[in-house]
Protein backbone atom coordinates (compact mmCIF):
# COMPACT_ATOMS: atom_id res chain seq x y z
CA MET A 1 288.38 49.07 83.09
CA ARG A 2 286.93 51.05 85.99
CA LYS A 3 288.69 54.13 87.27
CA GLU A 4 288.50 54.70 91.00
CA ARG A 5 288.29 58.18 92.42
CA ARG A 6 289.76 59.22 95.73
CA THR A 7 286.46 58.40 97.40
CA GLY A 8 286.79 54.78 96.33
CA VAL A 9 283.61 55.01 94.26
CA LYS A 10 283.99 53.81 90.71
CA LYS A 11 282.81 56.26 88.07
CA ASN A 12 280.87 53.65 86.18
CA ASP A 13 278.88 52.32 89.12
CA VAL A 14 275.20 52.40 88.21
CA ILE A 15 272.65 53.53 90.78
CA VAL A 16 269.02 52.72 90.00
CA LEU A 17 266.71 55.38 91.42
CA ASP A 18 263.15 55.06 92.66
CA THR A 19 260.30 57.32 91.59
CA ASP A 20 260.10 58.95 95.03
CA ILE A 21 263.54 60.54 94.88
CA LEU A 22 262.85 61.96 91.41
CA ILE A 23 259.52 63.43 92.49
CA ASP A 24 261.03 64.91 95.66
CA ALA A 25 263.86 66.50 93.67
CA ASP A 26 261.38 67.88 91.14
CA ARG A 27 259.32 69.38 93.96
CA GLY A 28 262.41 71.18 95.21
CA ILE A 29 263.05 69.16 98.36
CA LYS A 30 266.57 70.16 99.29
CA GLN A 31 267.72 66.79 100.66
CA ALA A 32 266.62 65.01 97.48
CA ARG A 33 268.41 67.49 95.23
CA LEU A 34 271.58 67.35 97.31
CA PHE A 35 271.49 63.55 97.25
CA LEU A 36 271.08 63.42 93.46
CA ASN A 37 273.81 66.01 92.92
CA LYS A 38 276.20 64.08 95.13
CA ILE A 39 275.66 60.67 93.57
CA SER A 40 275.45 61.93 89.98
CA SER A 41 278.95 63.36 90.12
CA GLU A 42 280.45 59.94 90.82
CA ASN A 43 278.00 57.46 89.32
CA ILE A 44 275.78 56.69 86.39
CA LEU A 45 272.14 57.23 87.31
CA ALA A 46 269.44 54.93 86.01
CA ILE A 47 265.74 54.31 86.37
CA SER A 48 263.46 51.47 85.39
CA GLU A 49 260.94 51.82 82.59
CA ILE A 50 258.28 51.59 85.31
CA THR A 51 259.69 54.67 87.03
CA ALA A 52 259.75 56.51 83.70
CA MET A 53 256.10 55.65 83.08
CA GLU A 54 255.11 56.72 86.60
CA ILE A 55 256.63 60.14 85.95
CA ILE A 56 255.01 60.42 82.52
CA VAL A 57 251.57 59.33 83.77
CA GLY A 58 251.72 62.08 86.40
CA CYS A 59 251.93 64.81 83.74
CA LYS A 60 248.85 67.01 83.53
CA ASN A 61 249.46 68.58 80.11
CA LYS A 62 251.80 68.65 77.10
CA ASN A 63 254.15 71.16 78.72
CA GLU A 64 254.64 68.93 81.76
CA LEU A 65 255.11 65.94 79.46
CA PHE A 66 257.80 67.78 77.47
CA THR A 67 259.58 68.78 80.69
CA ALA A 68 259.33 65.24 82.09
CA GLU A 69 260.70 63.66 78.92
CA LYS A 70 263.61 66.09 78.91
CA TYR A 71 264.28 65.36 82.61
CA LEU A 72 264.10 61.58 82.10
CA SER A 73 266.51 61.71 79.15
CA GLN A 74 269.43 62.23 81.53
CA PHE A 75 268.96 58.75 83.03
CA MET A 76 269.72 55.31 81.67
CA ILE A 77 266.40 53.47 81.45
CA TYR A 78 266.32 49.76 82.19
CA LYS A 79 263.64 47.52 80.74
CA ILE A 80 261.94 45.20 83.19
CA ASN A 81 261.03 41.69 82.08
C-alpha cells in the first residue's frame, strides 16, 4: 500500500532519470542537484541500463569508473528489452 505525504506525492513513485540530469548534477550544476535532491526525498529514483552504460563509458580511468559505479548504485536500474 502506498503512503501519501502532505505533498500528495507517493513515496514509492518511481522516476526514471535521463543521462543528462546525472551528468549535470555530477558537474555541479546547481539546478540539477537541487532537482535531484527534491525528487529523491519523495520518490524512488531509477535509470535504464542504457543510462548506466553511458555513464560508465564516459569514465577515463579506473578511479572515475569506481566513482561512477558507486554513484550509480544508488539508483534502481531497469533493463531494456
